[in-house]
Amino acid sequence: DIMLSYQNGDVNKTLIIDAKYYGHTTQEQYGVHTLHSGNLYQIFTYVKNKTLQEGFTDHEVSGLLLYARTADEIQPDGDFSMSGNKISVKTLDLNQSFEVIAEQLDKAIY
């Protein structure tokens, strides 16, 4: 887990990244693929605790669940709003050169 902070004038942002690895990035039940709900609750808790710590000011706090790519056909990728905070879910292909991995990370955080 890592927390990135940005401050420039009146702009204050924090991104909390929670990296995960599973043999299967989604869970399947009755043919429907879903995210591991425990991971969403965990990142949501991190984000809400940081929001509380900042005193609900104009400080923007968001979260990113970052999964390592697997051989699964379905890979998590999306952005959600949960109680006023942005939560993103992205997949990182680690079977690439360092430069490509760095580009993927840059894209995920922006």
PDB file of N, CA and C in Angstrom:
ATOM      1  N   ASP A   1       0.842  -1.171   0.000  1.00  0.00           N
ATOM      2  CA  ASP A   1       0.000   0.000   0.000  1.00  0.00           C
ATOM      3  C   ASP A   1       0.887   1.233   0.000  1.00  0.00           C
ATOM      4  N   ILE A   2       0.390   2.274  -0.671  1.00  0.00           N
ATOM      5  CA  ILE A   2       1.140   3.526  -0.742  1.00  0.00           C
ATOM      6  C   ILE A   2       0.153   4.679  -0.825  1.00  0.00           C
ATOM      7  N   MET A   3       0.590   5.838  -0.343  1.00  0.00           N
ATOM      8  CA  MET A   3      -0.246   7.024  -0.404  1.00  0.00           C
ATOM      9  C   MET A   3       0.544   8.126  -1.099  1.00  0.00           C
ATOM     10  N   LEU A   4      -0.036   8.682  -2.171  1.00  0.00           N
ATOM     11  CA  LEU A   4       0.580   9.779  -2.904  1.00  0.00           C
ATOM     12  C   LEU A   4      -0.193  11.056  -2.601  1.00  0.00           C
ATOM     13  N   SER A   5       0.542  12.135  -2.322  1.00  0.00           N
ATOM     14  CA  SER A   5      -0.108  13.412  -2.028  1.00  0.00           C
ATOM     15  C   SER A   5       0.386  14.469  -2.991  1.00  0.00           C
ATOM     16  N   TYR A   6      -0.526  15.394  -3.321  1.00  0.00           N
ATOM     17  CA  TYR A   6      -0.213  16.489  -4.233  1.00  0.00           C
ATOM     18  C   TYR A   6      -0.818  17.758  -3.653  1.00  0.00           C
ATOM     19  N   GLN A   7      -0.008  18.812  -3.612  1.00  0.00           N
ATOM     20  CA  GLN A   7      -0.500  20.093  -3.133  1.00  0.00           C
ATOM     21  C   GLN A   7       0.082  21.192  -4.003  1.00  0.00           C
ATOM     22  N   ASN A   8      -0.809  22.035  -4.520  1.00  0.00           N
ATOM     23  CA  ASN A   8      -0.389  23.165  -5.346  1.00  0.00           C
ATOM     24  C   ASN A   8      -1.440  24.254  -5.179  1.00  0.00           C
ATOM     25  N   GLY A   9      -1.120  25.264  -4.399  1.00  0.00           N
ATOM     26  CA  GLY A   9      -2.084  26.329  -4.135  1.00  0.00           C
ATOM     27  C   GLY A   9      -3.276  25.789  -3.375  1.00  0.00           C
ATOM     28  N   ASP A  10      -4.464  25.960  -3.953  1.00  0.00           N
ATOM     29  CA  ASP A  10      -5.690  25.490  -3.311  1.00  0.00           C
ATOM     30  C   ASP A  10      -6.021  24.047  -3.635  1.00  0.00           C
ATOM     31  N   VAL A  11      -5.186  23.397  -4.432  1.00  0.00           N
ATOM     32  CA  VAL A  11      -5.446  22.010  -4.838  1.00  0.00           C
ATOM     33  C   VAL A  11      -4.700  21.063  -3.897  1.00  0.00           C
ATOM     34  N   ASN A  12      -5.466  20.227  -3.202  1.00  0.00           N
ATOM     35  CA  ASN A  12      -4.904  19.236  -2.289  1.00  0.00           C
ATOM     36  C   ASN A  12      -5.521  17.886  -2.619  1.00  0.00           C
ATOM     37  N   LYS A  13      -4.684  16.946  -3.017  1.00  0.00           N
ATOM     38  CA  LYS A  13      -5.181  15.632  -3.399  1.00  0.00           C
ATOM     39  C   LYS A  13      -4.342  14.540  -2.746  1.00  0.00           C
ATOM     40  N   THR A  14      -5.002  13.447  -2.416  1.00  0.00           N
ATOM     41  CA  THR A  14      -4.317  12.256  -1.927  1.00  0.00           C
ATOM     42  C   THR A  14      -4.886  11.056  -2.664  1.00  0.00           C
ATOM     43  N   LEU A  15      -4.005  10.198  -3.140  1.00  0.00           N
ATOM     44  CA  LEU A  15      -4.398   8.943  -3.773  1.00  0.00           C
ATOM     45  C   LEU A  15      -3.813   7.808  -2.945  1.00  0.00           C
ATOM     46  N   ILE A  16      -4.681   6.927  -2.486  1.00  0.00           N
ATOM     47  CA  ILE A  16      -4.251   5.757  -1.728  1.00  0.00           C
ATOM     48  C   ILE A  16      -4.314   4.558  -2.662  1.00  0.00           C
ATOM     49  N   ILE A  17      -3.185   3.878  -2.814  1.00  0.00           N
ATOM     50  CA  ILE A  17      -3.092   2.733  -3.719  1.00  0.00           C
ATOM     51  C   ILE A  17      -2.928   1.464  -2.897  1.00  0.00           C
ATOM     52  N   ASP A  18      -3.777   0.497  -3.179  1.00  0.00           N
ATOM     53  CA  ASP A  18      -3.718  -0.807  -2.522  1.00  0.00           C
ATOM     54  C   ASP A  18      -3.474  -1.845  -3.613  1.00  0.00           C
ATOM     55  N   ALA A  19      -2.288  -2.424  -3.627  1.00  0.00           N
ATOM     56  CA  ALA A  19      -1.916  -3.407  -4.651  1.00  0.00           C
ATOM     57  C   ALA A  19      -2.298  -4.810  -4.190  1.00  0.00           C
ATOM     58  N   LYS A  20      -2.843  -5.581  -5.122  1.00  0.00           N
ATOM     59  CA  LYS A  20      -3.307  -6.935  -4.819  1.00  0.00           C
ATOM     60  C   LYS A  20      -2.811  -7.901  -5.885  1.00  0.00           C
ATOM     61  N   TYR A  21      -2.642  -9.151  -5.479  1.00  0.00           N
ATOM     62  CA  TYR A  21      -2.360 -10.210  -6.441  1.00  0.00           C
ATOM     63  C   TYR A  21      -3.144 -11.454  -6.055  1.00  0.00           C
ATOM     64  N   TYR A  22      -3.861 -11.968  -7.011  1.00  0.00           N
ATOM     65  CA  TYR A  22      -4.599 -13.220  -6.856  1.00  0.00           C
ATOM     66  C   TYR A  22      -4.369 -14.053  -8.105  1.00  0.00           C
ATOM     67  N   GLY A  23      -4.539 -15.344  -7.989  1.00  0.00           N
ATOM     68  CA  GLY A  23      -4.492 -16.197  -9.169  1.00  0.00           C
ATOM     69  C   GLY A  23      -5.607 -15.840 -10.140  1.00  0.00           C
ATOM     70  N   HIS A  24      -6.727 -15.360  -9.590  1.00  0.00           N
ATOM     71  CA  HIS A  24      -7.867 -14.880 -10.372  1.00  0.00           C
ATOM     72  C   HIS A  24      -8.255 -13.524  -9.802  1.00  0.00           C
ATOM     73  N   THR A  25      -8.258 -12.496 -10.647  1.00  0.00           N
ATOM     74  CA  THR A  25      -8.511 -11.145 -10.144  1.00  0.00           C
ATOM     75  C   THR A  25      -9.972 -10.879  -9.828  1.00  0.00           C
ATOM     76  N   THR A  26     -10.866 -11.697 -10.361  1.00  0.00           N
ATOM     77  CA  THR A  26     -12.276 -11.563 -10.021  1.00  0.00           C
ATOM     78  C   THR A  26     -12.753 -12.877  -9.415  1.00  0.00           C
ATOM     79  N   GLN A  27     -13.893 -12.814  -8.773  1.00  0.00           N
ATOM     80  CA  GLN A  27     -14.521 -14.038  -8.282  1.00  0.00           C
ATOM     81  C   GLN A  27     -15.737 -14.298  -9.163  1.00  0.00           C
ATOM     82  N   GLU A  28     -16.064 -15.549  -9.330  1.00  0.00           N
ATOM     83  CA  GLU A  28     -17.182 -15.902 -10.204  1.00  0.00           C
ATOM     84  C   GLU A  28     -18.203 -16.722  -9.438  1.00  0.00           C
ATOM     85  N   GLN A  29     -19.450 -16.322  -9.577  1.00  0.00           N
ATOM     86  CA  GLN A  29     -20.551 -17.074  -8.984  1.00  0.00           C
ATOM     87  C   GLN A  29     -21.722 -17.022  -9.957  1.00  0.00           C
ATOM     88  N   TYR A  30     -22.216 -18.187 -10.319  1.00  0.00           N
ATOM     89  CA  TYR A  30     -23.322 -18.319 -11.265  1.00  0.00           C
ATOM     90  C   TYR A  30     -23.012 -17.630 -12.603  1.00  0.00           C
ATOM     91  N   GLY A  31     -21.752 -17.706 -13.025  1.00  0.00           N
ATOM     92  CA  GLY A  31     -21.353 -17.139 -14.301  1.00  0.00           C
ATOM     93  C   GLY A  31     -21.139 -15.637 -14.310  1.00  0.00           C
ATOM     94  N   VAL A  32     -21.225 -15.008 -13.143  1.00  0.00           N
ATOM     95  CA  VAL A  32     -21.043 -13.562 -13.038  1.00  0.00           C
ATOM     96  C   VAL A  32     -19.715 -13.286 -12.344  1.00  0.00           C
ATOM     97  N   HIS A  33     -18.894 -12.449 -12.976  1.00  0.00           N
ATOM     98  CA  HIS A  33     -17.597 -12.070 -12.402  1.00  0.00           C
ATOM     99  C   HIS A  33     -17.754 -10.778 -11.610  1.00  0.00           C
ATOM    100  N   THR A  34     -17.243 -10.780 -10.390  1.00  0.00           N
ATOM    101  CA  THR A  34     -17.290  -9.585  -9.537  1.00  0.00           C
ATOM    102  C   THR A  34     -15.930  -9.385  -8.875  1.00  0.00           C
ATOM    103  N   LEU A  35     -15.725  -8.162  -8.392  1.00  0.00           N
ATOM    104  CA  LEU A  35     -14.522  -7.872  -7.622  1.00  0.00           C
ATOM    105  C   LEU A  35     -14.626  -8.534  -6.258  1.00  0.00           C
ATOM    106  N   HIS A  36     -13.495  -8.749  -5.639  1.00  0.00           N
ATOM    107  CA  HIS A  36     -13.476  -9.253  -4.269  1.00  0.00           C
ATOM    108  C   HIS A  36     -13.993  -8.119  -3.375  1.00  0.00           C
ATOM    109  N   SER A  37     -15.168  -8.292  -2.800  1.00  0.00           N
ATOM    110  CA  SER A  37     -15.805  -7.214  -2.038  1.00  0.00           C
ATOM    111  C   SER A  37     -14.951  -6.762  -0.855  1.00  0.00           C
ATOM    112  N   GLY A  38     -14.217  -7.677  -0.250  1.00  0.00           N
ATOM    113  CA  GLY A  38     -13.347  -7.301   0.863  1.00  0.00           C
ATOM    114  C   GLY A  38     -12.310  -6.275   0.464  1.00  0.00           C
ATOM    115  N   ASN A  39     -11.818  -6.362  -0.779  1.00  0.00           N
ATOM    116  CA  ASN A  39     -10.836  -5.381  -1.267  1.00  0.00           C
ATOM    117  C   ASN A  39     -11.465  -4.003  -1.418  1.00  0.00           C
ATOM    118  N   LEU A  40     -12.699  -3.967  -1.921  1.00  0.00           N
ATOM    119  CA  LEU A  40     -13.398  -2.682  -2.053  1.00  0.00           C
ATOM    120  C   LEU A  40     -13.655  -2.061  -0.684  1.00  0.00           C
ATOM    121  N   TYR A  41     -14.087  -2.874   0.260  1.00  0.00           N
ATOM    122  CA  TYR A  41     -14.322  -2.358   1.610  1.00  0.00           C
ATOM    123  C   TYR A  41     -13.024  -1.841   2.236  1.00  0.00           C
ATOM    124  N   GLN A  42     -11.937  -2.534   1.983  1.00  0.00           N
ATOM    125  CA  GLN A  42     -10.655  -2.118   2.554  1.00  0.00           C
ATOM    126  C   GLN A  42     -10.210  -0.769   2.004  1.00  0.00           C
ATOM    127  N   ILE A  43     -10.224  -0.599   0.679  1.00  0.00           N
ATOM    128  CA  ILE A  43      -9.781   0.674   0.102  1.00  0.00           C
ATOM    129  C   ILE A  43     -10.754   1.786   0.484  1.00  0.00           C
ATOM    130  N   PHE A  44     -12.038   1.472   0.539  1.00  0.00           N
ATOM    131  CA  PHE A  44     -13.039   2.449   0.956  1.00  0.00           C
ATOM    132  C   PHE A  44     -12.759   2.923   2.392  1.00  0.00           C
ATOM    133  N   THR A  45     -12.403   2.005   3.266  1.00  0.00           N
ATOM    134  CA  THR A  45     -12.075   2.353   4.654  1.00  0.00           C
ATOM    135  C   THR A  45     -10.844   3.236   4.718  1.00  0.00           C
ATOM    136  N   TYR A  46      -9.803   2.883   3.964  1.00  0.00           N
ATOM    137  CA  TYR A  46      -8.599   3.725   3.921  1.00  0.00           C
ATOM    138  C   TYR A  46      -8.954   5.148   3.490  1.00  0.00           C
ATOM    139  N   VAL A  47      -9.743   5.256   2.421  1.00  0.00           N
ATOM    140  CA  VAL A  47     -10.094   6.561   1.862  1.00  0.00           C
ATOM    141  C   VAL A  47     -10.940   7.359   2.848  1.00  0.00           C
ATOM    142  N   LYS A  48     -11.923   6.739   3.452  1.00  0.00           N
ATOM    143  CA  LYS A  48     -12.788   7.453   4.387  1.00  0.00           C
ATOM    144  C   LYS A  48     -12.027   7.878   5.641  1.00  0.00           C
ATOM    145  N   ASN A  49     -11.110   7.040   6.124  1.00  0.00           N
ATOM    146  CA  ASN A  49     -10.307   7.425   7.285  1.00  0.00           C
ATOM    147  C   ASN A  49      -9.412   8.616   6.964  1.00  0.00           C
ATOM    148  N   LYS A  50      -8.829   8.637   5.776  1.00  0.00           N
ATOM    149  CA  LYS A  50      -7.986   9.776   5.367  1.00  0.00           C
ATOM    150  C   LYS A  50      -8.834  11.025   5.191  1.00  0.00           C
ATOM    151  N   THR A  51     -10.032  10.876   4.637  1.00  0.00           N
ATOM    152  CA  THR A  51     -10.947  12.012   4.484  1.00  0.00           C
ATOM    153  C   THR A  51     -11.283  12.588   5.856  1.00  0.00           C
ATOM    154  N   LEU A  52     -11.564  11.736   6.810  1.00  0.00           N
ATOM    155  CA  LEU A  52     -11.859  12.169   8.178  1.00  0.00           C
ATOM    156  C   LEU A  52     -10.649  12.866   8.797  1.00  0.00           C
ATOM    157  N   GLN A  53      -9.478  12.303   8.563  1.00  0.00           N
ATOM    158  CA  GLN A  53      -8.239  12.886   9.088  1.00  0.00           C
ATOM    159  C   GLN A  53      -8.025  14.294   8.531  1.00  0.00           C
ATOM    160  N   GLU A  54      -8.413  14.513   7.264  1.00  0.00           N
ATOM    161  CA  GLU A  54      -8.242  15.831   6.644  1.00  0.00           C
ATOM    162  C   GLU A  54      -9.344  16.804   7.061  1.00  0.00           C
ATOM    163  N   GLY A  55     -10.313  16.321   7.827  1.00  0.00           N
ATOM    164  CA  GLY A  55     -11.358  17.193   8.349  1.00  0.00           C
ATOM    165  C   GLY A  55     -12.411  17.584   7.328  1.00  0.00           C
ATOM    166  N   PHE A  56     -12.615  16.762   6.307  1.00  0.00           N
ATOM    167  CA  PHE A  56     -13.633  17.016   5.279  1.00  0.00           C
ATOM    168  C   PHE A  56     -13.445  18.376   4.621  1.00  0.00           C
ATOM    169  N   THR A  57     -12.213  18.840   4.500  1.00  0.00           N
ATOM    170  CA  THR A  57     -11.921  20.106   3.834  1.00  0.00           C
ATOM    171  C   THR A  57     -11.979  19.891   2.330  1.00  0.00           C
ATOM    172  N   ASP A  58     -11.425  20.834   1.575  1.00  0.00           N
ATOM    173  CA  ASP A  58     -11.387  20.715   0.118  1.00  0.00           C
ATOM    174  C   ASP A  58     -10.310  19.745  -0.342  1.00  0.00           C
ATOM    175  N   HIS A  59      -9.817  18.947   0.558  1.00  0.00           N
ATOM    176  CA  HIS A  59      -8.796  17.941   0.247  1.00  0.00           C
ATOM    177  C   HIS A  59      -9.485  16.757  -0.428  1.00  0.00           C
ATOM    178  N   GLU A  60      -9.106  16.474  -1.662  1.00  0.00           N
ATOM    179  CA  GLU A  60      -9.704  15.369  -2.425  1.00  0.00           C
ATOM    180  C   GLU A  60      -8.954  14.074  -2.134  1.00  0.00           C
ATOM    181  N   VAL A  61      -9.665  13.084  -1.629  1.00  0.00           N
ATOM    182  CA  VAL A  61      -9.055  11.787  -1.322  1.00  0.00           C
ATOM    183  C   VAL A  61      -9.703  10.734  -2.210  1.00  0.00           C
ATOM    184  N   SER A  62      -8.869   9.963  -2.903  1.00  0.00           N
ATOM    185  CA  SER A  62      -9.376   8.893  -3.763  1.00  0.00           C
ATOM    186  C   SER A  62      -8.556   7.631  -3.524  1.00  0.00           C
ATOM    187  N   GLY A  63      -9.072   6.521  -4.035  1.00  0.00           N
ATOM    188  CA  GLY A  63      -8.409   5.241  -3.844  1.00  0.00           C
ATOM    189  C   GLY A  63      -8.260   4.492  -5.150  1.00  0.00           C
ATOM    190  N   LEU A  64      -7.241   3.648  -5.205  1.00  0.00           N
ATOM    191  CA  LEU A  64      -6.970   2.835  -6.385  1.00  0.00           C
ATOM    192  C   LEU A  64      -6.653   1.417  -5.948  1.00  0.00           C
ATOM    193  N   LEU A  65      -7.480   0.475  -6.380  1.00  0.00           N
ATOM    194  CA  LEU A  65      -7.164  -0.943  -6.230  1.00  0.00           C
ATOM    195  C   LEU A  65      -6.373  -1.338  -7.462  1.00  0.00           C
ATOM    196  N   LEU A  66      -5.167  -1.791  -7.271  1.00  0.00           N
ATOM    197  CA  LEU A  66      -4.286  -2.117  -8.386  1.00  0.00           C
ATOM    198  C   LEU A  66      -3.991  -3.609  -8.371  1.00  0.00           C
ATOM    199  N   TYR A  67      -4.487  -4.296  -9.389  1.00  0.00           N
ATOM    200  CA  TYR A  67      -4.321  -5.738  -9.494  1.00  0.00           C
ATOM    201  C   TYR A  67      -3.231  -6.082 -10.507  1.00  0.00           C
ATOM    202  N   ALA A  68      -2.497  -7.140 -10.235  1.00  0.00           N
ATOM    203  CA  ALA A  68      -1.558  -7.688 -11.218  1.00  0.00           C
ATOM    204  C   ALA A  68      -2.375  -8.484 -12.240  1.00  0.00           C
ATOM    205  N   ARG A  69      -2.062  -8.299 -13.502  1.00  0.00           N
ATOM    206  CA  ARG A  69      -2.777  -8.992 -14.581  1.00  0.00           C
ATOM    207  C   ARG A  69      -2.547 -10.499 -14.478  1.00  0.00           C
ATOM    208  N   THR A  70      -3.608 -11.242 -14.721  1.00  0.00           N
ATOM    209  CA  THR A  70      -3.529 -12.699 -14.743  1.00  0.00           C
ATOM    210  C   THR A  70      -3.909 -13.185 -16.139  1.00  0.00           C
ATOM    211  N   ALA A  71      -3.975 -14.483 -16.317  1.00  0.00           N
ATOM    212  CA  ALA A  71      -4.361 -15.057 -17.604  1.00  0.00           C
ATOM    213  C   ALA A  71      -5.875 -15.050 -17.803  1.00  0.00           C
ATOM    214  N   ASP A  72      -6.624 -14.582 -16.806  1.00  0.00           N
ATOM    215  CA  ASP A  72      -8.080 -14.533 -16.912  1.00  0.00           C
ATOM    216  C   ASP A  72      -8.514 -13.665 -18.084  1.00  0.00           C
ATOM    217  N   GLU A  73      -9.641 -14.026 -18.663  1.00  0.00           N
ATOM    218  CA  GLU A  73     -10.184 -13.254 -19.776  1.00  0.00           C
ATOM    219  C   GLU A  73     -10.660 -11.876 -19.319  1.00  0.00           C
ATOM    220  N   ILE A  74     -11.269 -11.816 -18.155  1.00  0.00           N
ATOM    221  CA  ILE A  74     -11.807 -10.559 -17.625  1.00  0.00           C
ATOM    222  C   ILE A  74     -10.801  -9.957 -16.649  1.00  0.00           C
ATOM    223  N   GLN A  75     -10.452  -8.686 -16.885  1.00  0.00           N
ATOM    224  CA  GLN A  75      -9.527  -7.962 -16.028  1.00  0.00           C
ATOM    225  C   GLN A  75     -10.235  -6.731 -15.464  1.00  0.00           C
ATOM    226  N   PRO A  76     -10.132  -6.483 -14.167  1.00  0.00           N
ATOM    227  CA  PRO A  76     -10.806  -5.327 -13.572  1.00  0.00           C
ATOM    228  C   PRO A  76     -10.298  -4.006 -14.139  1.00  0.00           C
ATOM    229  N   ASP A  77     -11.237  -3.120 -14.428  1.00  0.00           N
ATOM    230  CA  ASP A  77     -10.896  -1.790 -14.916  1.00  0.00           C
ATOM    231  C   ASP A  77     -12.134  -0.916 -14.792  1.00  0.00           C
ATOM    232  N   GLY A  78     -12.078   0.085 -13.940  1.00  0.00           N
ATOM    233  CA  GLY A  78     -13.228   0.966 -13.802  1.00  0.00           C
ATOM    234  C   GLY A  78     -13.033   2.020 -12.749  1.00  0.00           C
ATOM    235  N   ASP A  79     -13.930   2.986 -12.762  1.00  0.00           N
ATOM    236  CA  ASP A  79     -13.940   4.073 -11.796  1.00  0.00           C
ATOM    237  C   ASP A  79     -15.327   4.137 -11.173  1.00  0.00           C
ATOM    238  N   PHE A  80     -15.361   4.350  -9.871  1.00  0.00           N
ATOM    239  CA  PHE A  80     -16.619   4.377  -9.143  1.00  0.00           C
ATOM    240  C   PHE A  80     -16.620   5.563  -8.189  1.00  0.00           C
ATOM    241  N   SER A  81     -17.794   6.038  -7.845  1.00  0.00           N
ATOM    242  CA  SER A  81     -17.937   7.035  -6.799  1.00  0.00           C
ATOM    243  C   SER A  81     -18.592   6.343  -5.620  1.00  0.00           C
ATOM    244  N   MET A  82     -17.907   6.358  -4.494  1.00  0.00           N
ATOM    245  CA  MET A  82     -18.435   5.720  -3.286  1.00  0.00           C
ATOM    246  C   MET A  82     -18.486   6.767  -2.173  1.00  0.00           C
ATOM    247  N   SER A  83     -19.693   7.174  -1.817  1.00  0.00           N
ATOM    248  CA  SER A  83     -19.904   8.174  -0.753  1.00  0.00           C
ATOM    249  C   SER A  83     -19.073   9.428  -0.986  1.00  0.00           C
ATOM    250  N   GLY A  84     -19.020   9.870  -2.241  1.00  0.00           N
ATOM    251  CA  GLY A  84     -18.334  11.120  -2.557  1.00  0.00           C
ATOM    252  C   GLY A  84     -16.854  10.999  -2.868  1.00  0.00           C
ATOM    253  N   ASN A  85     -16.301   9.805  -2.812  1.00  0.00           N
ATOM    254  CA  ASN A  85     -14.887   9.608  -3.129  1.00  0.00           C
ATOM    255  C   ASN A  85     -14.760   8.733  -4.366  1.00  0.00           C
ATOM    256  N   LYS A  86     -13.746   9.041  -5.173  1.00  0.00           N
ATOM    257  CA  LYS A  86     -13.475   8.238  -6.358  1.00  0.00           C
ATOM    258  C   LYS A  86     -12.656   7.012  -5.965  1.00  0.00           C
ATOM    259  N   ILE A  87     -13.142   5.857  -6.378  1.00  0.00           N
ATOM    260  CA  ILE A  87     -12.419   4.601  -6.192  1.00  0.00           C
ATOM    261  C   ILE A  87     -12.221   4.004  -7.576  1.00  0.00           C
ATOM    262  N   SER A  88     -10.978   3.747  -7.942  1.00  0.00           N
ATOM    263  CA  SER A  88     -10.660   3.163  -9.242  1.00  0.00           C
ATOM    264  C   SER A  88     -10.135   1.753  -9.054  1.00  0.00           C
ATOM    265  N   VAL A  89     -10.358   0.941 -10.059  1.00  0.00           N
ATOM    266  CA  VAL A  89      -9.835  -0.418 -10.083  1.00  0.00           C
ATOM    267  C   VAL A  89      -9.128  -0.583 -11.417  1.00  0.00           C
ATOM    268  N   LYS A  90      -7.845  -0.894 -11.376  1.00  0.00           N
ATOM    269  CA  LYS A  90      -7.042  -1.032 -12.587  1.00  0.00           C
ATOM    270  C   LYS A  90      -6.211  -2.309 -12.518  1.00  0.00           C
ATOM    271  N   THR A  91      -5.803  -2.775 -13.689  1.00  0.00           N
ATOM    272  CA  THR A  91      -4.958  -3.964 -13.793  1.00  0.00           C
ATOM    273  C   THR A  91      -3.630  -3.564 -14.410  1.00  0.00           C
ATOM    274  N   LEU A  92      -2.563  -4.070 -13.841  1.00  0.00           N
ATOM    275  CA  LEU A  92      -1.207  -3.760 -14.286  1.00  0.00           C
ATOM    276  C   LEU A  92      -0.578  -5.022 -14.854  1.00  0.00           C
ATOM    277  N   ASP A  93      -0.130  -4.952 -16.108  1.00  0.00           N
ATOM    278  CA  ASP A  93       0.525  -6.093 -16.757  1.00  0.00           C
ATOM    279  C   ASP A  93       2.015  -6.063 -16.419  1.00  0.00           C
ATOM    280  N   LEU A  94       2.424  -6.951 -15.520  1.00  0.00           N
ATOM    281  CA  LEU A  94       3.820  -6.980 -15.072  1.00  0.00           C
ATOM    282  C   LEU A  94       4.726  -7.752 -16.021  1.00  0.00           C
ATOM    283  N   ASN A  95       4.166  -8.343 -17.044  1.00  0.00           N
ATOM    284  CA  ASN A  95       4.949  -9.095 -18.030  1.00  0.00           C
ATOM    285  C   ASN A  95       5.383  -8.165 -19.161  1.00  0.00           C
ATOM    286  N   GLN A  96       5.914  -7.016 -18.792  1.00  0.00           N
ATOM    287  CA  GLN A  96       6.330  -5.981 -19.735  1.00  0.00           C
ATOM    288  C   GLN A  96       7.682  -5.425 -19.299  1.00  0.00           C
ATOM    289  N   SER A  97       8.261  -4.609 -20.150  1.00  0.00           N
ATOM    290  CA  SER A  97       9.502  -3.933 -19.770  1.00  0.00           C
ATOM    291  C   SER A  97       9.191  -2.905 -18.684  1.00  0.00           C
ATOM    292  N   PHE A  98      10.215  -2.491 -17.965  1.00  0.00           N
ATOM    293  CA  PHE A  98      10.027  -1.509 -16.898  1.00  0.00           C
ATOM    294  C   PHE A  98       9.396  -0.229 -17.431  1.00  0.00           C
ATOM    295  N   GLU A  99       9.817   0.200 -18.618  1.00  0.00           N
ATOM    296  CA  GLU A  99       9.286   1.430 -19.204  1.00  0.00           C
ATOM    297  C   GLU A  99       7.784   1.330 -19.439  1.00  0.00           C
ATOM    298  N   VAL A 100       7.323   0.183 -19.928  1.00  0.00           N
ATOM    299  CA  VAL A 100       5.888  -0.016 -20.186  1.00  0.00           C
ATOM    300  C   VAL A 100       5.120  -0.088 -18.867  1.00  0.00           C
ATOM    301  N   ILE A 101       5.691  -0.752 -17.878  1.00  0.00           N
ATOM    302  CA  ILE A 101       5.050  -0.820 -16.562  1.00  0.00           C
ATOM    303  C   ILE A 101       4.922   0.578 -15.980  1.00  0.00           C
ATOM    304  N   ALA A 102       5.963   1.397 -16.111  1.00  0.00           N
ATOM    305  CA  ALA A 102       5.937   2.775 -15.612  1.00  0.00           C
ATOM    306  C   ALA A 102       4.837   3.580 -16.323  1.00  0.00           C
ATOM    307  N   GLU A 103       4.683   3.396 -17.623  1.00  0.00           N
ATOM    308  CA  GLU A 103       3.622   4.072 -18.366  1.00  0.00           C
ATOM    309  C   GLU A 103       2.243   3.644 -17.871  1.00  0.00           C
ATOM    310  N   GLN A 104       2.075   2.346 -17.605  1.00  0.00           N
ATOM    311  CA  GLN A 104       0.808   1.854 -17.086  1.00  0.00           C
ATOM    312  C   GLN A 104       0.493   2.483 -15.726  1.00  0.00           C
ATOM    313  N   LEU A 105       1.501   2.572 -14.883  1.00  0.00           N
ATOM    314  CA  LEU A 105       1.307   3.182 -13.555  1.00  0.00           C
ATOM    315  C   LEU A 105       0.946   4.651 -13.676  1.00  0.00           C
ATOM    316  N   ASP A 106       1.654   5.379 -14.542  1.00  0.00           N
ATOM    317  CA  ASP A 106       1.355   6.795 -14.746  1.00  0.00           C
ATOM    318  C   ASP A 106      -0.097   6.973 -15.218  1.00  0.00           C
ATOM    319  N   LYS A 107      -0.516   6.148 -16.149  1.00  0.00           N
ATOM    320  CA  LYS A 107      -1.888   6.224 -16.673  1.00  0.00           C
ATOM    321  C   LYS A 107      -2.905   5.913 -15.574  1.00  0.00           C
ATOM    322  N   ALA A 108      -2.603   4.943 -14.732  1.00  0.00           N
ATOM    323  CA  ALA A 108      -3.528   4.542 -13.673  1.00  0.00           C
ATOM    324  C   ALA A 108      -3.728   5.654 -12.641  1.00  0.00           C
ATOM    325  N   ILE A 109      -2.682   6.401 -12.329  1.00  0.00           N
ATOM    326  CA  ILE A 109      -2.828   7.418 -11.278  1.00  0.00           C
ATOM    327  C   ILE A 109      -3.410   8.726 -11.802  1.00  0.00           C
ATOM    328  N   TYR A 110      -3.407   8.919 -13.112  1.00  0.00           N
ATOM    329  CA  TYR A 110      -4.003  10.141 -13.649  1.00  0.00           C
ATOM    330  C   TYR A 110      -5.399   9.856 -14.084  1.00  0.00           C
TER     331      TYR A 110
END
